[in-house]
Protein backbone atom coordinates (compact mmCIF):
# COMPACT_ATOMS: atom_id res chain seq x y z
CA MET A 1 13.24 60.62 14.74
CA HIS A 2 16.31 58.41 14.86
CA VAL A 3 16.36 54.71 14.04
CA LEU A 4 15.38 52.70 17.11
CA THR A 5 17.43 49.71 18.15
CA LEU A 6 16.57 47.10 20.74
CA ASP A 7 19.04 48.57 23.22
CA SER A 8 18.32 52.28 22.59
CA VAL A 9 16.51 54.31 25.21
CA LEU A 10 12.92 54.73 24.12
CA THR A 11 11.66 58.30 24.50
CA ARG A 12 8.13 59.52 23.90
CA GLU A 13 9.42 61.61 20.99
CA ASP A 14 10.80 58.45 19.37
CA CYS A 15 7.33 56.90 19.54
CA LEU A 16 5.31 59.65 17.82
CA CYS A 17 3.66 58.83 14.53
CA PRO A 18 4.43 61.45 11.85
CA VAL A 19 0.85 61.16 10.54
CA CYS A 20 -1.31 61.49 13.68
CA LEU A 21 1.40 62.96 15.97
CA GLU A 22 0.38 60.53 18.72
CA ILE A 23 2.22 57.63 20.31
CA PHE A 24 2.45 54.65 17.94
CA ILE A 25 -0.32 52.07 18.16
CA GLU A 26 0.70 48.82 16.48
CA PRO A 27 3.74 50.41 14.80
CA VAL A 28 4.63 49.46 11.24
CA THR A 29 8.31 49.99 10.41
CA LEU A 30 8.87 50.06 6.66
CA PRO A 31 12.06 48.93 4.87
CA CYS A 32 12.96 52.64 4.51
CA THR A 33 12.95 52.74 8.39
CA HIS A 34 9.97 55.12 8.63
CA THR A 35 7.47 54.03 11.28
CA PHE A 36 3.74 54.74 11.52
CA CYS A 37 0.74 53.55 13.48
CA LYS A 38 -0.72 50.62 11.58
CA SER A 39 -4.02 52.45 11.01
CA CYS A 40 -2.23 55.66 9.92
CA PHE A 41 -0.07 53.73 7.47
CA LEU A 42 -3.03 51.87 6.01
CA GLU A 43 -5.02 55.11 5.65
CA SER A 44 -2.10 57.14 4.25
CA VAL A 45 -0.44 54.73 1.89
CA ASP A 46 -1.24 55.21 -1.76
CA LYS A 47 -3.12 51.98 -2.46
CA SER A 48 -2.21 51.88 -6.12
CA THR A 49 1.56 52.22 -5.72
CA LEU A 50 2.06 51.29 -2.04
CA CYS A 51 4.69 53.90 -1.22
CA CYS A 52 5.96 55.21 2.10
CA PRO A 53 3.89 58.28 3.03
CA LEU A 54 7.09 60.21 3.91
CA CYS A 55 9.82 59.33 1.43
CA ARG A 56 7.60 57.81 -1.30
CA LYS A 57 9.81 54.68 -1.54
CA ARG A 58 7.84 51.78 -3.00
CA VAL A 59 7.00 49.16 -0.39
CA SER A 60 4.40 47.17 -2.34
CA ASN A 61 6.21 43.81 -2.23
CA TRP A 62 7.03 44.26 1.45
CA VAL A 63 3.42 45.16 2.30
CA ARG A 64 2.01 42.20 0.37
CA LEU A 65 4.42 39.74 1.99
CA ASN A 66 3.96 41.08 5.52
CA SER A 67 0.20 41.38 5.17
CA LYS A 68 0.02 37.79 3.96
CA ASN A 69 2.22 36.61 6.86
CA ASN A 70 0.39 38.85 9.36
CA THR A 71 3.70 40.50 10.29
CA LEU A 72 2.98 44.12 9.36
CA VAL A 73 3.24 45.30 12.99
CA ASP A 74 6.76 45.74 14.39
CA GLN A 75 5.98 43.53 17.39
CA LYS A 76 9.26 44.16 19.26
CA LEU A 77 8.76 47.92 19.08
CA TRP A 78 5.06 47.61 19.97
CA ASN A 79 5.93 45.55 23.07
CA ARG A 80 8.53 48.14 24.14
CA ILE A 81 6.10 51.03 23.65
CA GLN A 82 3.42 49.28 25.71
CA THR A 83 5.98 48.66 28.48
CA CYS A 84 7.39 52.21 28.48
CA PHE A 85 4.13 54.12 27.90
CA PRO A 86 1.26 52.01 29.27
CA LEU A 87 -1.03 54.93 30.14
CA GLN A 88 -0.73 56.59 26.73
CA CYS A 89 -1.31 53.26 24.96
CA GLN A 90 -4.31 52.45 27.10
CA ARG A 91 -5.85 55.86 26.40
CA ARG A 92 -5.33 55.59 22.64
CA LEU A 93 -6.56 52.00 22.46
CA SER A 94 -9.71 52.84 24.42
CA GLY A 95 -10.42 55.90 22.27
CA GLN A 96 -9.88 58.36 25.13
CA ASP A 97 -8.35 61.75 24.61
CA THR A 98 -4.60 62.00 24.65
CA GLU A 99 -2.86 63.36 27.71
CA GLU A 100 -2.17 66.61 25.84
CA ASP A 101 -5.88 67.04 25.00
CA TYR A 102 -6.81 66.43 28.63
CA LEU A 103 -4.22 68.89 29.95
CA GLY A 104 -5.23 71.48 27.33
CA ARG A 105 -8.88 71.32 28.43
CA ARG A 106 -7.86 71.67 32.08
CA MET A 107 -5.82 74.77 31.23
CA LYS A 108 -8.79 76.31 29.36
CA ARG A 109 -11.12 75.74 32.31
CA ARG A 110 -8.62 77.39 34.62
CA GLY A 111 -8.25 80.38 32.32
CA GLY A 112 -5.00 79.27 30.73
CA PRO A 113 -1.47 79.72 31.98
CA ALA A 114 -0.72 82.63 34.27
CA ARG A 115 0.46 85.69 32.39
CA SER A 116 3.01 88.11 33.73
């Protein structure tokens, strides 16, 4: 995943959490530039050392400050994701299956893809 800027084109691939492999929900972008769903970050982070789940860079001071200020979520990115991918966000927020899960079940019921 490349670093997202405000003027970059936002693709679905850019918005996938490396922990849950789903579109970001309330993305948290760490000082090391790795981004996670807020819930994935909070579940994955080592509570004792507060390190990035990917690169292991310590983010303890950043987490404490942003948690205190209620600014953990990258609000600009979250707004862009909701604008670009409203259906996927709605499904994840409501606890529904992802689009891939839904399509996979439909393929199974139909006997899978046609084989040559």
